[in-house]
Amino acid sequence: WPIFFRELDAAFPGSKFILTVREPESWYASLTGHFGAAHNEMQAFIYGEDYASPVGAKERYLGVLAAHEKSVHDYFHKRPDDLLVMDLRAGDGWEKLCAFLGEQAPDAPFPAKNRASDRRTLSYRIRRKLNQAFGKYLAPERI
């Protein structure tokens, strides 16, 4: 989880970390699509109790994103070999990832999940709406 990178680093010395980035407007659109207007326990856990729905709070949430990315860069600034920054939408894939890990790139397409086209299925849309409507009643580990 992105909020635990410091703890994971302490628990697993010598680990390597990957920060995936994307254009902030695209991230915000995804965030509002994911959480909707609801404020649930998972959202409060990630962003803080004082954060309401991301809908209508664009600048606040974009600030959270910028602060998170800066905190990751600041944390690893003396250990650049332990952090890889990837922008999958810009085409980063096997070559960049495998070079970072010291492995050969496989002869296969880089996997892509959670794209907008993947979320057009009826079952996905139903689950998403149920989560948006009832997510605050579900345990965070089930969301």
C-alpha atoms as a PDB file:
ATOM      1  CA  TRP A   1       0.000   0.000   0.000  1.00  0.00           C
ATOM      2  CA  PRO A   2       1.276   3.447  -0.802  1.00  0.00           C
ATOM      3  CA  ILE A   3       0.793   4.768   2.710  1.00  0.00           C
ATOM      4  CA  PHE A   4       3.085   2.137   4.235  1.00  0.00           C
ATOM      5  CA  PHE A   5       6.246   2.484   2.157  1.00  0.00           C
ATOM      6  CA  ARG A   6       8.329   3.616   5.158  1.00  0.00           C
ATOM      7  CA  GLU A   7       7.131   0.741   7.322  1.00  0.00           C
ATOM      8  CA  LEU A   8       7.654  -1.772   4.532  1.00  0.00           C
ATOM      9  CA  ASP A   9      11.153  -0.430   3.947  1.00  0.00           C
ATOM     10  CA  ALA A  10      11.983  -0.851   7.639  1.00  0.00           C
ATOM     11  CA  ALA A  11      10.467  -4.337   7.766  1.00  0.00           C
ATOM     12  CA  PHE A  12      12.193  -5.548   4.590  1.00  0.00           C
ATOM     13  CA  PRO A  13      15.680  -4.018   4.376  1.00  0.00           C
ATOM     14  CA  GLY A  14      17.180  -4.060   0.909  1.00  0.00           C
ATOM     15  CA  SER A  15      13.798  -4.033  -0.806  1.00  0.00           C
ATOM     16  CA  LYS A  16      13.138  -2.074  -3.956  1.00  0.00           C
ATOM     17  CA  PHE A  17      10.108   0.153  -4.411  1.00  0.00           C
ATOM     18  CA  ILE A  18       8.063   1.184  -7.408  1.00  0.00           C
ATOM     19  CA  LEU A  19       6.118   4.428  -7.503  1.00  0.00           C
ATOM     20  CA  THR A  20       3.553   4.437 -10.275  1.00  0.00           C
ATOM     21  CA  VAL A  21       2.589   7.895 -11.425  1.00  0.00           C
ATOM     22  CA  ARG A  22       0.089   9.318 -13.852  1.00  0.00           C
ATOM     23  CA  GLU A  23      -1.209  12.657 -14.970  1.00  0.00           C
ATOM     24  CA  PRO A  24      -2.952  14.227 -11.916  1.00  0.00           C
ATOM     25  CA  GLU A  25      -6.210  14.983 -13.741  1.00  0.00           C
ATOM     26  CA  SER A  26      -6.467  11.349 -14.803  1.00  0.00           C
ATOM     27  CA  TRP A  27      -5.731  10.204 -11.238  1.00  0.00           C
ATOM     28  CA  TYR A  28      -8.451  12.468  -9.864  1.00  0.00           C
ATOM     29  CA  ALA A  29     -10.992  11.198 -12.405  1.00  0.00           C
ATOM     30  CA  SER A  30     -10.142   7.635 -11.395  1.00  0.00           C
ATOM     31  CA  LEU A  31     -10.398   8.494  -7.701  1.00  0.00           C
ATOM     32  CA  THR A  32     -13.833  10.057  -8.042  1.00  0.00           C
ATOM     33  CA  GLY A  33     -14.965   7.119 -10.157  1.00  0.00           C
ATOM     34  CA  HIS A  34     -13.709   4.709  -7.510  1.00  0.00           C
ATOM     35  CA  PHE A  35     -15.064   6.377  -4.376  1.00  0.00           C
ATOM     36  CA  GLY A  36     -17.929   8.374  -5.860  1.00  0.00           C
ATOM     37  CA  ALA A  37     -19.563  10.859  -3.530  1.00  0.00           C
ATOM     38  CA  ALA A  38     -19.548   8.450  -0.600  1.00  0.00           C
ATOM     39  CA  HIS A  39     -17.198   8.792   2.336  1.00  0.00           C
ATOM     40  CA  ASN A  40     -16.349   5.331   3.637  1.00  0.00           C
ATOM     41  CA  GLU A  41     -13.913   3.735   6.071  1.00  0.00           C
ATOM     42  CA  MET A  42     -11.370   2.794   3.417  1.00  0.00           C
ATOM     43  CA  GLN A  43     -11.243   6.313   2.067  1.00  0.00           C
ATOM     44  CA  ALA A  44     -10.891   7.711   5.601  1.00  0.00           C
ATOM     45  CA  PHE A  45      -8.088   5.224   6.302  1.00  0.00           C
ATOM     46  CA  ILE A  46      -6.119   6.234   3.220  1.00  0.00           C
ATOM     47  CA  TYR A  47      -6.765   9.973   3.126  1.00  0.00           C
ATOM     48  CA  GLY A  48      -7.676  10.778   6.734  1.00  0.00           C
ATOM     49  CA  GLU A  49     -10.882  11.192   8.695  1.00  0.00           C
ATOM     50  CA  ASP A  50     -11.112  14.877   7.856  1.00  0.00           C
ATOM     51  CA  TYR A  51     -11.249  14.188   4.121  1.00  0.00           C
ATOM     52  CA  ALA A  52     -14.749  14.199   2.729  1.00  0.00           C
ATOM     53  CA  SER A  53     -15.745  12.835  -0.637  1.00  0.00           C
ATOM     54  CA  PRO A  54     -13.271  13.668  -3.403  1.00  0.00           C
ATOM     55  CA  VAL A  55     -16.187  14.962  -5.486  1.00  0.00           C
ATOM     56  CA  GLY A  56     -15.943  18.740  -5.380  1.00  0.00           C
ATOM     57  CA  ALA A  57     -12.600  18.665  -3.563  1.00  0.00           C
ATOM     58  CA  LYS A  58     -10.310  18.395  -6.565  1.00  0.00           C
ATOM     59  CA  GLU A  59      -7.577  20.796  -5.466  1.00  0.00           C
ATOM     60  CA  ARG A  60      -7.412  19.230  -2.014  1.00  0.00           C
ATOM     61  CA  TYR A  61      -6.991  15.719  -3.377  1.00  0.00           C
ATOM     62  CA  LEU A  62      -4.517  16.804  -6.052  1.00  0.00           C
ATOM     63  CA  GLY A  63      -2.527  18.321  -3.190  1.00  0.00           C
ATOM     64  CA  VAL A  64      -2.599  14.964  -1.395  1.00  0.00           C
ATOM     65  CA  LEU A  65      -1.287  13.245  -4.522  1.00  0.00           C
ATOM     66  CA  ALA A  66       1.519  15.780  -4.980  1.00  0.00           C
ATOM     67  CA  ALA A  67       2.468  15.550  -1.296  1.00  0.00           C
ATOM     68  CA  HIS A  68       2.557  11.745  -1.456  1.00  0.00           C
ATOM     69  CA  GLU A  69       4.766  11.672  -4.541  1.00  0.00           C
ATOM     70  CA  LYS A  70       7.082  14.257  -2.985  1.00  0.00           C
ATOM     71  CA  SER A  71       7.299  12.285   0.268  1.00  0.00           C
ATOM     72  CA  VAL A  72       8.311   9.143  -1.642  1.00  0.00           C
ATOM     73  CA  HIS A  73      10.945  11.018  -3.647  1.00  0.00           C
ATOM     74  CA  ASP A  74      12.246  12.723  -0.490  1.00  0.00           C
ATOM     75  CA  TYR A  75      12.408   9.433   1.399  1.00  0.00           C
ATOM     76  CA  PHE A  76      14.457   7.713  -1.314  1.00  0.00           C
ATOM     77  CA  HIS A  77      16.539  10.695  -2.449  1.00  0.00           C
ATOM     78  CA  LYS A  78      19.752   9.200  -1.009  1.00  0.00           C
ATOM     79  CA  ARG A  79      18.886   5.743  -2.347  1.00  0.00           C
ATOM     80  CA  PRO A  80      17.924   6.280  -5.986  1.00  0.00           C
ATOM     81  CA  ASP A  81      18.714   2.660  -6.867  1.00  0.00           C
ATOM     82  CA  ASP A  82      15.927   1.515  -4.532  1.00  0.00           C
ATOM     83  CA  LEU A  83      13.134   3.501  -6.201  1.00  0.00           C
ATOM     84  CA  LEU A  84      11.714   3.135  -9.684  1.00  0.00           C
ATOM     85  CA  VAL A  85       9.176   5.656 -10.927  1.00  0.00           C
ATOM     86  CA  MET A  86       6.944   4.263 -13.657  1.00  0.00           C
ATOM     87  CA  ASP A  87       4.281   5.953 -15.742  1.00  0.00           C
ATOM     88  CA  LEU A  88       2.427   3.058 -17.316  1.00  0.00           C
ATOM     89  CA  ARG A  89       0.205   5.335 -19.370  1.00  0.00           C
ATOM     90  CA  ALA A  90       3.310   6.913 -20.900  1.00  0.00           C
ATOM     91  CA  GLY A  91       4.506   3.496 -22.022  1.00  0.00           C
ATOM     92  CA  ASP A  92       6.793   2.398 -19.210  1.00  0.00           C
ATOM     93  CA  GLY A  93       6.780  -1.374 -19.094  1.00  0.00           C
ATOM     94  CA  TRP A  94       8.936  -4.486 -19.065  1.00  0.00           C
ATOM     95  CA  GLU A  95      12.187  -2.851 -20.166  1.00  0.00           C
ATOM     96  CA  LYS A  96      12.220  -0.241 -17.428  1.00  0.00           C
ATOM     97  CA  LEU A  97      10.915  -2.612 -14.756  1.00  0.00           C
ATOM     98  CA  CYS A  98      13.245  -5.482 -15.596  1.00  0.00           C
ATOM     99  CA  ALA A  99      16.288  -3.205 -15.830  1.00  0.00           C
ATOM    100  CA  PHE A 100      15.469  -1.953 -12.329  1.00  0.00           C
ATOM    101  CA  LEU A 101      15.179  -5.519 -11.037  1.00  0.00           C
ATOM    102  CA  GLY A 102      18.202  -6.815 -12.937  1.00  0.00           C
ATOM    103  CA  GLU A 103      16.121  -9.302 -14.905  1.00  0.00           C
ATOM    104  CA  GLN A 104      15.527 -10.044 -18.575  1.00  0.00           C
ATOM    105  CA  ALA A 105      12.358  -8.601 -20.050  1.00  0.00           C
ATOM    106  CA  PRO A 106       9.921 -11.351 -21.055  1.00  0.00           C
ATOM    107  CA  ASP A 107       8.764 -11.705 -24.619  1.00  0.00           C
ATOM    108  CA  ALA A 108       5.159 -10.926 -23.742  1.00  0.00           C
ATOM    109  CA  PRO A 109       2.994  -7.844 -23.618  1.00  0.00           C
ATOM    110  CA  PHE A 110       3.148  -5.870 -20.398  1.00  0.00           C
ATOM    111  CA  PRO A 111      -0.028  -6.691 -18.430  1.00  0.00           C
ATOM    112  CA  ALA A 112      -2.602  -3.955 -18.029  1.00  0.00           C
ATOM    113  CA  LYS A 113      -5.461  -4.158 -15.553  1.00  0.00           C
ATOM    114  CA  ASN A 114      -7.899  -1.631 -14.168  1.00  0.00           C
ATOM    115  CA  ARG A 115      -8.218   0.298 -17.395  1.00  0.00           C
ATOM    116  CA  ALA A 116     -11.448   2.099 -18.134  1.00  0.00           C
ATOM    117  CA  SER A 117     -12.272  -0.484 -20.802  1.00  0.00           C
ATOM    118  CA  ASP A 118     -11.973  -3.238 -18.157  1.00  0.00           C
ATOM    119  CA  ARG A 119     -14.539  -1.450 -16.028  1.00  0.00           C
ATOM    120  CA  ARG A 120     -17.286  -1.366 -18.597  1.00  0.00           C
ATOM    121  CA  THR A 121     -18.566  -4.847 -17.825  1.00  0.00           C
ATOM    122  CA  LEU A 122     -21.948  -5.066 -16.148  1.00  0.00           C
ATOM    123  CA  SER A 123     -20.629  -7.058 -13.181  1.00  0.00           C
ATOM    124  CA  TYR A 124     -17.909  -4.499 -12.530  1.00  0.00           C
ATOM    125  CA  ARG A 125     -20.363  -1.600 -12.678  1.00  0.00           C
ATOM    126  CA  ILE A 126     -22.754  -3.339 -10.283  1.00  0.00           C
ATOM    127  CA  ARG A 127     -19.979  -4.099  -7.765  1.00  0.00           C
ATOM    128  CA  ARG A 128     -18.714  -0.527  -8.054  1.00  0.00           C
ATOM    129  CA  LYS A 129     -22.156   0.969  -7.398  1.00  0.00           C
ATOM    130  CA  LEU A 130     -22.722  -1.341  -4.430  1.00  0.00           C
ATOM    131  CA  ASN A 131     -19.370  -0.341  -2.979  1.00  0.00           C
ATOM    132  CA  GLN A 132     -20.131   3.337  -3.470  1.00  0.00           C
ATOM    133  CA  ALA A 133     -23.533   2.979  -1.847  1.00  0.00           C
ATOM    134  CA  PHE A 134     -22.673   0.589   0.975  1.00  0.00           C
ATOM    135  CA  GLY A 135     -18.884   0.753   1.295  1.00  0.00           C
ATOM    136  CA  LYS A 136     -19.042   2.566   4.614  1.00  0.00           C
ATOM    137  CA  TYR A 137     -20.838  -0.462   6.077  1.00  0.00           C
ATOM    138  CA  LEU A 138     -18.248  -2.946   4.864  1.00  0.00           C
ATOM    139  CA  ALA A 139     -15.027  -3.844   6.606  1.00  0.00           C
ATOM    140  CA  PRO A 140     -12.058  -2.077   4.936  1.00  0.00           C
ATOM    141  CA  GLU A 141     -10.451  -5.387   3.988  1.00  0.00           C
ATOM    142  CA  ARG A 142     -13.540  -6.305   1.942  1.00  0.00           C
ATOM    143  CA  ILE A 143     -13.633  -3.126  -0.111  1.00  0.00           C
END
